[in-house]
Amino acid sequence: MKNILIVSGHPDLNHSVGNATILDHLAVALPDADIRYLDRLYPDRRINVDAEQKSLLKADVMVWQFPFSWYGLPGLMKQWLDEVFVHGFAHGSTAKLGGKKLILSFTTGAPEALYSAQGDFGHTVDEYLLPFETTARLCHLDLLPPIYTCGISYANRDAGQIAKQQRLARAHASRLVNVLTQ
């Protein structure tokens, strides 16, 4: 099996339904995967750049697992990207990540209907992914199609809503495992 690195960018998995469920499923289905829980590793927001770069170098496939936050990465994961994907390591003439595969795996709070030209946001989810495509191109990463699930919101979480979100998250994780094990 490929060396799989999963980077969890949720800022606080203790308060997550979707991302926590996805990661729990991945940990069971892919016991050899290296899962880096940024919120647990860096509660003080002091990223160990050397450790993160070493984990990236071992990987054949990277999965960035996160909640879509203001149409991009959550703050902690953005900080991780800023500090770890530096010139000379991730890009530039001495870049070391070229040829690795990258999968964006994320949840959105808003339902998918809002992500359209006619929806409240005026753009599709794919249109918001242009910065990720540019990052992958700069770093010579092979960006695979994203895996995402819409409608996993923090609002109105009664027991029925939580159960629905967990079902959606398990289905999301199964799709991701299928891609990773092909």
N, C-alpha and C. Protein backbone atom coordinates (compact mmCIF):
# COMPACT_ATOMS: atom_id res chain seq x y z
N MET A 1 0.84 -1.20 0.00
CA MET A 1 0.00 0.00 0.00
C MET A 1 0.88 1.25 0.00
N LYS A 2 0.37 2.28 -0.58
CA LYS A 2 1.06 3.57 -0.62
C LYS A 2 1.24 4.12 0.80
N ASN A 3 2.23 4.98 0.96
CA ASN A 3 2.39 5.69 2.23
C ASN A 3 1.41 6.86 2.22
N ILE A 4 0.44 6.80 3.12
CA ILE A 4 -0.63 7.79 3.16
C ILE A 4 -0.44 8.69 4.38
N LEU A 5 -0.46 9.98 4.13
CA LEU A 5 -0.41 10.99 5.18
C LEU A 5 -1.73 11.74 5.17
N ILE A 6 -2.39 11.77 6.31
CA ILE A 6 -3.64 12.52 6.46
C ILE A 6 -3.37 13.65 7.44
N VAL A 7 -3.57 14.87 6.99
CA VAL A 7 -3.37 16.03 7.84
C VAL A 7 -4.74 16.58 8.21
N SER A 8 -5.05 16.49 9.49
CA SER A 8 -6.32 16.99 10.00
C SER A 8 -6.16 18.45 10.38
N GLY A 9 -6.89 19.31 9.67
CA GLY A 9 -6.78 20.74 9.92
C GLY A 9 -7.92 21.33 10.73
N HIS A 10 -8.78 20.47 11.29
CA HIS A 10 -9.88 21.01 12.11
C HIS A 10 -9.28 21.71 13.33
N PRO A 11 -9.75 22.91 13.66
CA PRO A 11 -9.15 23.63 14.77
C PRO A 11 -9.46 23.04 16.15
N ASP A 12 -10.52 22.22 16.27
CA ASP A 12 -10.86 21.62 17.55
C ASP A 12 -11.77 20.42 17.33
N LEU A 13 -11.16 19.26 17.15
CA LEU A 13 -11.93 18.05 16.86
C LEU A 13 -12.86 17.65 18.00
N ASN A 14 -12.61 18.15 19.20
CA ASN A 14 -13.52 17.85 20.32
C ASN A 14 -14.91 18.41 20.09
N HIS A 15 -15.03 19.39 19.20
CA HIS A 15 -16.32 20.00 18.91
C HIS A 15 -16.76 19.72 17.46
N SER A 16 -16.28 18.63 16.92
CA SER A 16 -16.59 18.27 15.54
C SER A 16 -17.49 17.04 15.50
N VAL A 17 -18.38 17.01 14.55
CA VAL A 17 -19.14 15.80 14.24
C VAL A 17 -18.58 15.22 12.95
N GLY A 18 -18.65 16.00 11.87
CA GLY A 18 -18.26 15.50 10.56
C GLY A 18 -16.81 15.09 10.45
N ASN A 19 -15.90 16.02 10.71
CA ASN A 19 -14.48 15.72 10.55
C ASN A 19 -14.01 14.66 11.54
N ALA A 20 -14.52 14.69 12.76
CA ALA A 20 -14.14 13.67 13.75
C ALA A 20 -14.60 12.29 13.29
N THR A 21 -15.81 12.21 12.77
CA THR A 21 -16.33 10.92 12.28
C THR A 21 -15.51 10.43 11.10
N ILE A 22 -15.21 11.31 10.17
CA ILE A 22 -14.39 10.93 9.01
C ILE A 22 -13.03 10.40 9.47
N LEU A 23 -12.38 11.12 10.35
CA LEU A 23 -11.04 10.72 10.81
C LEU A 23 -11.09 9.41 11.60
N ASP A 24 -12.12 9.23 12.41
CA ASP A 24 -12.25 7.96 13.15
C ASP A 24 -12.38 6.80 12.17
N HIS A 25 -13.18 6.98 11.14
CA HIS A 25 -13.38 5.94 10.12
C HIS A 25 -12.06 5.66 9.39
N LEU A 26 -11.33 6.70 9.03
CA LEU A 26 -10.06 6.53 8.32
C LEU A 26 -9.03 5.80 9.18
N ALA A 27 -9.00 6.11 10.47
CA ALA A 27 -8.04 5.47 11.37
C ALA A 27 -8.26 3.96 11.43
N VAL A 28 -9.51 3.55 11.39
CA VAL A 28 -9.83 2.11 11.42
C VAL A 28 -9.57 1.47 10.06
N ALA A 29 -10.03 2.12 9.00
CA ALA A 29 -9.93 1.55 7.66
C ALA A 29 -8.51 1.56 7.11
N LEU A 30 -7.70 2.51 7.56
CA LEU A 30 -6.33 2.67 7.06
C LEU A 30 -5.35 2.71 8.24
N PRO A 31 -5.20 1.58 8.94
CA PRO A 31 -4.39 1.61 10.17
C PRO A 31 -2.93 1.98 9.96
N ASP A 32 -2.41 1.84 8.74
CA ASP A 32 -1.01 2.18 8.48
C ASP A 32 -0.82 3.64 8.06
N ALA A 33 -1.92 4.36 7.88
CA ALA A 33 -1.81 5.77 7.49
C ALA A 33 -1.27 6.58 8.66
N ASP A 34 -0.50 7.59 8.34
CA ASP A 34 -0.01 8.55 9.32
C ASP A 34 -1.02 9.69 9.40
N ILE A 35 -1.72 9.78 10.53
CA ILE A 35 -2.71 10.85 10.70
C ILE A 35 -2.12 11.89 11.65
N ARG A 36 -2.01 13.11 11.16
CA ARG A 36 -1.45 14.20 11.95
C ARG A 36 -2.60 15.13 12.34
N TYR A 37 -2.95 15.12 13.59
CA TYR A 37 -4.03 15.94 14.13
C TYR A 37 -3.43 17.27 14.58
N LEU A 38 -3.50 18.28 13.74
CA LEU A 38 -2.84 19.55 14.04
C LEU A 38 -3.34 20.18 15.33
N ASP A 39 -4.63 20.06 15.63
CA ASP A 39 -5.16 20.67 16.86
C ASP A 39 -4.59 20.02 18.11
N ARG A 40 -4.28 18.74 18.04
CA ARG A 40 -3.71 18.03 19.20
C ARG A 40 -2.20 18.22 19.27
N LEU A 41 -1.55 18.21 18.10
CA LEU A 41 -0.09 18.36 18.08
C LEU A 41 0.34 19.77 18.45
N TYR A 42 -0.49 20.77 18.07
CA TYR A 42 -0.06 22.17 18.22
C TYR A 42 -1.14 23.03 18.88
N PRO A 43 -1.54 22.68 20.10
CA PRO A 43 -2.55 23.52 20.77
C PRO A 43 -2.03 24.93 21.05
N ASP A 44 -0.70 25.06 21.08
CA ASP A 44 -0.07 26.36 21.30
C ASP A 44 0.23 27.08 19.98
N ARG A 45 -0.13 26.45 18.87
CA ARG A 45 0.07 27.00 17.52
C ARG A 45 1.54 27.13 17.13
N ARG A 46 2.40 26.37 17.79
CA ARG A 46 3.83 26.35 17.44
C ARG A 46 4.10 25.09 16.62
N ILE A 47 4.11 25.25 15.32
CA ILE A 47 4.27 24.13 14.40
C ILE A 47 5.71 23.64 14.40
N ASN A 48 5.89 22.34 14.54
CA ASN A 48 7.21 21.74 14.44
C ASN A 48 7.46 21.49 12.94
N VAL A 49 8.06 22.44 12.30
CA VAL A 49 8.23 22.41 10.85
C VAL A 49 9.04 21.19 10.42
N ASP A 50 10.10 20.89 11.13
CA ASP A 50 10.95 19.75 10.77
C ASP A 50 10.15 18.45 10.81
N ALA A 51 9.38 18.23 11.86
CA ALA A 51 8.57 17.00 11.97
C ALA A 51 7.53 16.93 10.86
N GLU A 52 6.92 18.04 10.55
CA GLU A 52 5.89 18.06 9.50
C GLU A 52 6.51 17.80 8.13
N GLN A 53 7.65 18.39 7.87
CA GLN A 53 8.31 18.17 6.59
C GLN A 53 8.77 16.71 6.45
N LYS A 54 9.26 16.13 7.52
CA LYS A 54 9.67 14.72 7.48
C LYS A 54 8.47 13.82 7.18
N SER A 55 7.32 14.11 7.77
CA SER A 55 6.14 13.29 7.50
C SER A 55 5.69 13.45 6.04
N LEU A 56 5.82 14.64 5.50
CA LEU A 56 5.47 14.87 4.09
C LEU A 56 6.41 14.12 3.15
N LEU A 57 7.69 14.09 3.48
CA LEU A 57 8.66 13.41 2.62
C LEU A 57 8.40 11.91 2.54
N LYS A 58 7.89 11.31 3.61
CA LYS A 58 7.59 9.87 3.63
C LYS A 58 6.35 9.52 2.83
N ALA A 59 5.49 10.49 2.61
CA ALA A 59 4.18 10.22 1.99
C ALA A 59 4.26 10.08 0.48
N ASP A 60 3.46 9.18 -0.04
CA ASP A 60 3.20 9.10 -1.47
C ASP A 60 1.93 9.87 -1.80
N VAL A 61 0.98 9.82 -0.86
CA VAL A 61 -0.31 10.47 -1.01
C VAL A 61 -0.57 11.31 0.24
N MET A 62 -0.96 12.57 0.03
CA MET A 62 -1.35 13.45 1.13
C MET A 62 -2.85 13.70 1.05
N VAL A 63 -3.50 13.64 2.18
CA VAL A 63 -4.91 14.02 2.28
C VAL A 63 -4.98 15.19 3.24
N TRP A 64 -5.57 16.27 2.78
CA TRP A 64 -5.83 17.40 3.68
C TRP A 64 -7.29 17.31 4.06
N GLN A 65 -7.54 16.97 5.34
CA GLN A 65 -8.90 16.81 5.86
C GLN A 65 -9.24 18.04 6.70
N PHE A 66 -10.30 18.75 6.32
CA PHE A 66 -10.61 19.99 7.04
C PHE A 66 -12.06 20.42 6.81
N PRO A 67 -12.55 21.27 7.70
CA PRO A 67 -13.83 21.92 7.43
C PRO A 67 -13.56 23.17 6.59
N PHE A 68 -14.33 23.34 5.55
CA PHE A 68 -14.20 24.52 4.67
C PHE A 68 -14.53 25.73 5.53
N SER A 69 -13.58 26.61 5.71
CA SER A 69 -13.74 27.73 6.63
C SER A 69 -13.58 29.04 5.86
N TRP A 70 -14.64 29.79 5.76
CA TRP A 70 -14.61 31.03 4.99
C TRP A 70 -14.04 30.78 3.60
N TYR A 71 -14.49 29.67 3.01
CA TYR A 71 -14.18 29.32 1.62
C TYR A 71 -12.72 28.94 1.41
N GLY A 72 -12.10 28.41 2.45
CA GLY A 72 -10.72 27.98 2.35
C GLY A 72 -10.33 27.15 3.56
N LEU A 73 -9.04 27.16 3.86
CA LEU A 73 -8.51 26.41 4.99
C LEU A 73 -8.83 27.08 6.32
N PRO A 74 -9.06 26.30 7.38
CA PRO A 74 -9.16 26.89 8.72
C PRO A 74 -7.80 27.49 9.11
N GLY A 75 -7.81 28.40 10.06
CA GLY A 75 -6.61 29.14 10.44
C GLY A 75 -5.40 28.29 10.79
N LEU A 76 -5.59 27.25 11.59
CA LEU A 76 -4.46 26.42 12.00
C LEU A 76 -3.84 25.71 10.79
N MET A 77 -4.68 25.24 9.91
CA MET A 77 -4.15 24.55 8.73
C MET A 77 -3.48 25.54 7.77
N LYS A 78 -4.01 26.73 7.68
CA LYS A 78 -3.37 27.77 6.86
C LYS A 78 -2.00 28.11 7.44
N GLN A 79 -1.91 28.21 8.75
CA GLN A 79 -0.61 28.46 9.40
C GLN A 79 0.35 27.32 9.09
N TRP A 80 -0.14 26.08 9.18
CA TRP A 80 0.68 24.90 8.87
C TRP A 80 1.22 25.01 7.44
N LEU A 81 0.36 25.34 6.50
CA LEU A 81 0.76 25.47 5.10
C LEU A 81 1.81 26.58 4.94
N ASP A 82 1.56 27.72 5.57
CA ASP A 82 2.49 28.85 5.47
C ASP A 82 3.88 28.51 6.00
N GLU A 83 3.93 27.77 7.11
CA GLU A 83 5.21 27.50 7.75
C GLU A 83 5.93 26.27 7.20
N VAL A 84 5.18 25.30 6.71
CA VAL A 84 5.78 24.04 6.27
C VAL A 84 6.09 24.03 4.78
N PHE A 85 5.23 24.62 3.97
CA PHE A 85 5.39 24.60 2.51
C PHE A 85 6.23 25.79 2.04
N VAL A 86 7.44 25.87 2.54
CA VAL A 86 8.31 27.00 2.24
C VAL A 86 9.12 26.75 0.96
N HIS A 87 9.63 27.86 0.41
CA HIS A 87 10.49 27.79 -0.77
C HIS A 87 11.72 26.95 -0.44
N GLY A 88 12.09 26.09 -1.36
CA GLY A 88 13.23 25.22 -1.14
C GLY A 88 12.82 23.85 -0.62
N PHE A 89 11.66 23.79 0.01
CA PHE A 89 11.13 22.49 0.44
C PHE A 89 9.94 22.08 -0.44
N ALA A 90 8.93 22.93 -0.49
CA ALA A 90 7.71 22.58 -1.22
C ALA A 90 7.72 23.10 -2.65
N HIS A 91 8.47 24.13 -2.91
CA HIS A 91 8.53 24.70 -4.26
C HIS A 91 9.89 25.36 -4.46
N GLY A 92 10.18 25.68 -5.69
CA GLY A 92 11.49 26.24 -6.03
C GLY A 92 12.40 25.18 -6.62
N SER A 93 13.61 25.57 -6.93
CA SER A 93 14.53 24.67 -7.65
C SER A 93 14.96 23.47 -6.81
N THR A 94 14.84 23.54 -5.49
CA THR A 94 15.22 22.41 -4.64
C THR A 94 13.98 21.78 -3.97
N ALA A 95 12.82 21.95 -4.57
CA ALA A 95 11.58 21.41 -4.02
C ALA A 95 11.65 19.89 -3.90
N LYS A 96 11.00 19.37 -2.87
CA LYS A 96 11.11 17.94 -2.56
C LYS A 96 9.78 17.18 -2.63
N LEU A 97 8.68 17.85 -2.94
CA LEU A 97 7.37 17.19 -2.89
C LEU A 97 6.83 16.80 -4.26
N GLY A 98 7.50 17.19 -5.32
CA GLY A 98 7.01 16.95 -6.67
C GLY A 98 6.65 15.49 -6.92
N GLY A 99 5.52 15.28 -7.59
CA GLY A 99 5.07 13.94 -7.94
C GLY A 99 4.19 13.27 -6.91
N LYS A 100 4.12 13.82 -5.71
CA LYS A 100 3.23 13.24 -4.70
C LYS A 100 1.79 13.61 -5.04
N LYS A 101 0.88 12.78 -4.61
CA LYS A 101 -0.54 13.01 -4.85
C LYS A 101 -1.14 13.79 -3.68
N LEU A 102 -2.09 14.66 -3.98
CA LEU A 102 -2.79 15.44 -2.96
C LEU A 102 -4.29 15.30 -3.18
N ILE A 103 -4.99 14.98 -2.11
CA ILE A 103 -6.44 14.92 -2.13
C ILE A 103 -6.98 15.90 -1.10
N LEU A 104 -7.85 16.80 -1.54
CA LEU A 104 -8.56 17.68 -0.63
C LEU A 104 -9.82 16.95 -0.18
N SER A 105 -9.97 16.80 1.11
CA SER A 105 -11.13 16.13 1.69
C SER A 105 -11.71 17.07 2.73
N PHE A 106 -12.92 17.57 2.46
CA PHE A 106 -13.44 18.59 3.36
C PHE A 106 -14.96 18.54 3.47
N THR A 107 -15.43 19.21 4.50
CA THR A 107 -16.86 19.36 4.74
C THR A 107 -17.20 20.84 4.68
N THR A 108 -18.44 21.12 4.30
CA THR A 108 -18.92 22.51 4.36
C THR A 108 -20.11 22.56 5.30
N GLY A 109 -20.30 23.68 5.92
CA GLY A 109 -21.47 23.85 6.77
C GLY A 109 -22.72 24.11 5.95
N ALA A 110 -22.58 24.85 4.89
CA ALA A 110 -23.72 25.22 4.06
C ALA A 110 -24.12 24.07 3.14
N PRO A 111 -25.40 23.98 2.83
CA PRO A 111 -25.84 22.96 1.88
C PRO A 111 -25.32 23.25 0.48
N GLU A 112 -25.23 22.21 -0.33
CA GLU A 112 -24.65 22.33 -1.67
C GLU A 112 -25.42 23.30 -2.56
N ALA A 113 -26.71 23.44 -2.35
CA ALA A 113 -27.53 24.33 -3.18
C ALA A 113 -27.06 25.78 -3.12
N LEU A 114 -26.43 26.17 -2.03
CA LEU A 114 -25.94 27.54 -1.91
C LEU A 114 -24.68 27.78 -2.75
N TYR A 115 -24.01 26.69 -3.12
CA TYR A 115 -22.78 26.79 -3.93
C TYR A 115 -23.12 26.64 -5.41
N SER A 116 -23.66 27.68 -5.98
CA SER A 116 -23.96 27.71 -7.41
C SER A 116 -24.03 29.17 -7.84
N ALA A 117 -24.05 29.39 -9.14
CA ALA A 117 -24.17 30.76 -9.64
C ALA A 117 -25.47 31.39 -9.17
N GLN A 118 -26.50 30.59 -9.01
CA GLN A 118 -27.80 31.11 -8.57
C GLN A 118 -27.96 31.06 -7.04
N GLY A 119 -27.08 30.37 -6.35
CA GLY A 119 -27.17 30.24 -4.90
C GLY A 119 -26.68 31.49 -4.20
N ASP A 120 -26.82 31.49 -2.88
CA ASP A 120 -26.44 32.66 -2.08
C ASP A 120 -24.97 33.05 -2.24
N PHE A 121 -24.10 32.07 -2.51
CA PHE A 121 -22.68 32.37 -2.59
C PHE A 121 -22.24 32.78 -3.99
N GLY A 122 -23.02 32.46 -5.00
CA GLY A 122 -22.72 32.88 -6.36
C GLY A 122 -21.61 32.11 -7.04
N HIS A 123 -21.09 31.09 -6.39
CA HIS A 123 -20.00 30.30 -6.95
C HIS A 123 -20.17 28.84 -6.57
N THR A 124 -19.65 27.95 -7.42
CA THR A 124 -19.64 26.53 -7.08
C THR A 124 -18.49 26.26 -6.11
N VAL A 125 -18.54 25.11 -5.46
CA VAL A 125 -17.44 24.71 -4.60
C VAL A 125 -16.15 24.66 -5.41
N ASP A 126 -16.22 24.09 -6.60
CA ASP A 126 -15.01 23.97 -7.43
C ASP A 126 -14.36 25.33 -7.73
N GLU A 127 -15.17 26.36 -7.86
CA GLU A 127 -14.60 27.69 -8.12
C GLU A 127 -13.79 28.21 -6.94
N TYR A 128 -14.15 27.77 -5.74
CA TYR A 128 -13.39 28.19 -4.55
C TYR A 128 -12.06 27.42 -4.42
N LEU A 129 -11.85 26.40 -5.23
CA LEU A 129 -10.66 25.56 -5.10
C LEU A 129 -9.48 26.03 -5.93
N LEU A 130 -9.62 27.14 -6.64
CA LEU A 130 -8.53 27.65 -7.48
C LEU A 130 -7.22 27.86 -6.69
N PRO A 131 -7.24 28.42 -5.47
CA PRO A 131 -5.97 28.56 -4.74
C PRO A 131 -5.30 27.21 -4.45
N PHE A 132 -6.09 26.17 -4.23
CA PHE A 132 -5.52 24.84 -3.99
C PHE A 132 -4.89 24.29 -5.27
N GLU A 133 -5.56 24.52 -6.40
CA GLU A 133 -5.01 24.09 -7.69
C GLU A 133 -3.69 24.80 -7.96
N THR A 134 -3.63 26.08 -7.66
CA THR A 134 -2.41 26.85 -7.87
C THR A 134 -1.29 26.37 -6.95
N THR A 135 -1.62 26.07 -5.70
CA THR A 135 -0.63 25.55 -4.74
C THR A 135 -0.08 24.22 -5.24
N ALA A 136 -0.97 23.33 -5.68
CA ALA A 136 -0.53 22.03 -6.19
C ALA A 136 0.39 22.20 -7.40
N ARG A 137 0.01 23.09 -8.29
CA ARG A 137 0.83 23.33 -9.49
C ARG A 137 2.21 23.87 -9.09
N LEU A 138 2.24 24.85 -8.19
CA LEU A 138 3.51 25.43 -7.75
C LEU A 138 4.43 24.37 -7.14
N CYS A 139 3.82 23.43 -6.38
CA CYS A 139 4.59 22.41 -5.67
C CYS A 139 4.76 21.13 -6.47
N HIS A 140 4.29 21.13 -7.73
CA HIS A 140 4.37 19.96 -8.61
C HIS A 140 3.71 18.73 -7.99
N LEU A 141 2.58 18.98 -7.32
CA LEU A 141 1.78 17.90 -6.75
C LEU A 141 0.72 17.48 -7.75
N ASP A 142 0.36 16.22 -7.71
CA ASP A 142 -0.71 15.69 -8.55
C ASP A 142 -2.01 15.83 -7.76
N LEU A 143 -2.78 16.87 -8.06
CA LEU A 143 -4.02 17.14 -7.34
C LEU A 143 -5.13 16.24 -7.89
N LEU A 144 -5.61 15.35 -7.07
CA LEU A 144 -6.70 14.45 -7.45
C LEU A 144 -8.03 15.15 -7.21
N PRO A 145 -9.12 14.63 -7.78
CA PRO A 145 -10.42 15.27 -7.56
C PRO A 145 -10.75 15.35 -6.07
N PRO A 146 -11.34 16.47 -5.64
CA PRO A 146 -11.65 16.63 -4.22
C PRO A 146 -12.78 15.70 -3.80
N ILE A 147 -12.79 15.40 -2.52
CA ILE A 147 -13.90 14.65 -1.92
C ILE A 147 -14.47 15.56 -0.85
N TYR A 148 -15.72 15.93 -1.03
CA TYR A 148 -16.32 16.85 -0.05
C TYR A 148 -17.78 16.51 0.17
N THR A 149 -18.24 16.95 1.34
CA THR A 149 -19.63 16.76 1.73
C THR A 149 -20.15 18.08 2.26
N CYS A 150 -21.25 18.52 1.69
CA CYS A 150 -21.86 19.78 2.11
C CYS A 150 -22.95 19.53 3.17
N GLY A 151 -23.25 20.59 3.89
CA GLY A 151 -24.37 20.54 4.83
C GLY A 151 -24.06 19.97 6.19
N ILE A 152 -22.79 20.00 6.59
CA ILE A 152 -22.44 19.53 7.94
C ILE A 152 -22.15 20.77 8.78
N SER A 153 -23.23 21.33 9.28
CA SER A 153 -23.19 22.63 9.96
C SER A 153 -23.08 22.48 11.47
N TYR A 154 -22.58 23.55 12.09
CA TYR A 154 -22.54 23.60 13.55
C TYR A 154 -23.87 24.09 14.13
N ALA A 155 -24.70 24.64 13.29
CA ALA A 155 -25.98 25.19 13.76
C ALA A 155 -27.02 24.08 13.90
N ASN A 156 -27.92 24.27 14.82
CA ASN A 156 -29.08 23.37 14.98
C ASN A 156 -28.68 21.90 15.09
N ARG A 157 -27.86 21.58 16.03
CA ARG A 157 -27.41 20.20 16.18
C ARG A 157 -28.25 19.47 17.23
N ASP A 158 -29.41 19.02 16.83
CA ASP A 158 -30.17 18.15 17.72
C ASP A 158 -29.75 16.71 17.41
N ALA A 159 -30.29 15.74 18.15
CA ALA A 159 -29.87 14.35 17.99
C ALA A 159 -30.08 13.85 16.56
N GLY A 160 -31.19 14.22 15.95
CA GLY A 160 -31.45 13.79 14.57
C GLY A 160 -30.46 14.38 13.60
N GLN A 161 -30.13 15.65 13.80
CA GLN A 161 -29.17 16.32 12.92
C GLN A 161 -27.77 15.72 13.07
N ILE A 162 -27.39 15.41 14.30
CA ILE A 162 -26.08 14.80 14.54
C ILE A 162 -26.00 13.43 13.87
N ALA A 163 -27.05 12.64 14.00
CA ALA A 163 -27.08 11.31 13.36
C ALA A 163 -26.97 11.44 11.85
N LYS A 164 -27.65 12.41 11.27
CA LYS A 164 -27.57 12.64 9.82
C LYS A 164 -26.16 13.04 9.42
N GLN A 165 -25.54 13.93 10.18
CA GLN A 165 -24.18 14.36 9.87
C GLN A 165 -23.20 13.20 9.98
N GLN A 166 -23.39 12.34 10.97
CA GLN A 166 -22.52 11.18 11.10
C GLN A 166 -22.67 10.22 9.92
N ARG A 167 -23.90 10.02 9.44
CA ARG A 167 -24.11 9.18 8.25
C ARG A 167 -23.42 9.78 7.03
N LEU A 168 -23.59 11.09 6.84
CA LEU A 168 -22.92 11.76 5.73
C LEU A 168 -21.41 11.64 5.83
N ALA A 169 -20.88 11.79 7.03
CA ALA A 169 -19.44 11.72 7.25
C ALA A 169 -18.91 10.31 7.01
N ARG A 170 -19.64 9.29 7.43
CA ARG A 170 -19.20 7.91 7.18
C ARG A 170 -19.19 7.62 5.68
N ALA A 171 -20.19 8.10 4.96
CA ALA A 171 -20.23 7.92 3.51
C ALA A 171 -19.05 8.65 2.85
N HIS A 172 -18.76 9.84 3.35
CA HIS A 172 -17.61 10.62 2.86
C HIS A 172 -16.33 9.82 3.06
N ALA A 173 -16.14 9.31 4.27
CA ALA A 173 -14.93 8.55 4.59
C ALA A 173 -14.83 7.31 3.71
N SER A 174 -15.93 6.65 3.45
CA SER A 174 -15.90 5.46 2.59
C SER A 174 -15.46 5.82 1.17
N ARG A 175 -15.94 6.94 0.66
CA ARG A 175 -15.50 7.39 -0.68
C ARG A 175 -14.00 7.64 -0.69
N LEU A 176 -13.51 8.28 0.36
CA LEU A 176 -12.08 8.58 0.45
C LEU A 176 -11.26 7.29 0.56
N VAL A 177 -11.70 6.36 1.37
CA VAL A 177 -10.97 5.08 1.51
C VAL A 177 -10.93 4.37 0.17
N ASN A 178 -12.03 4.40 -0.57
CA ASN A 178 -12.05 3.75 -1.89
C ASN A 178 -10.99 4.35 -2.82
N VAL A 179 -10.86 5.66 -2.81
CA VAL A 179 -9.84 6.30 -3.65
C VAL A 179 -8.44 5.93 -3.18
N LEU A 180 -8.23 5.91 -1.88
CA LEU A 180 -6.90 5.66 -1.33
C LEU A 180 -6.46 4.21 -1.48
N THR A 181 -7.40 3.30 -1.60
CA THR A 181 -7.03 1.88 -1.69
C THR A 181 -7.06 1.34 -3.11
N GLN A 182 -7.35 2.19 -4.09
CA GLN A 182 -7.33 1.74 -5.49
C GLN A 182 -5.92 1.58 -5.98
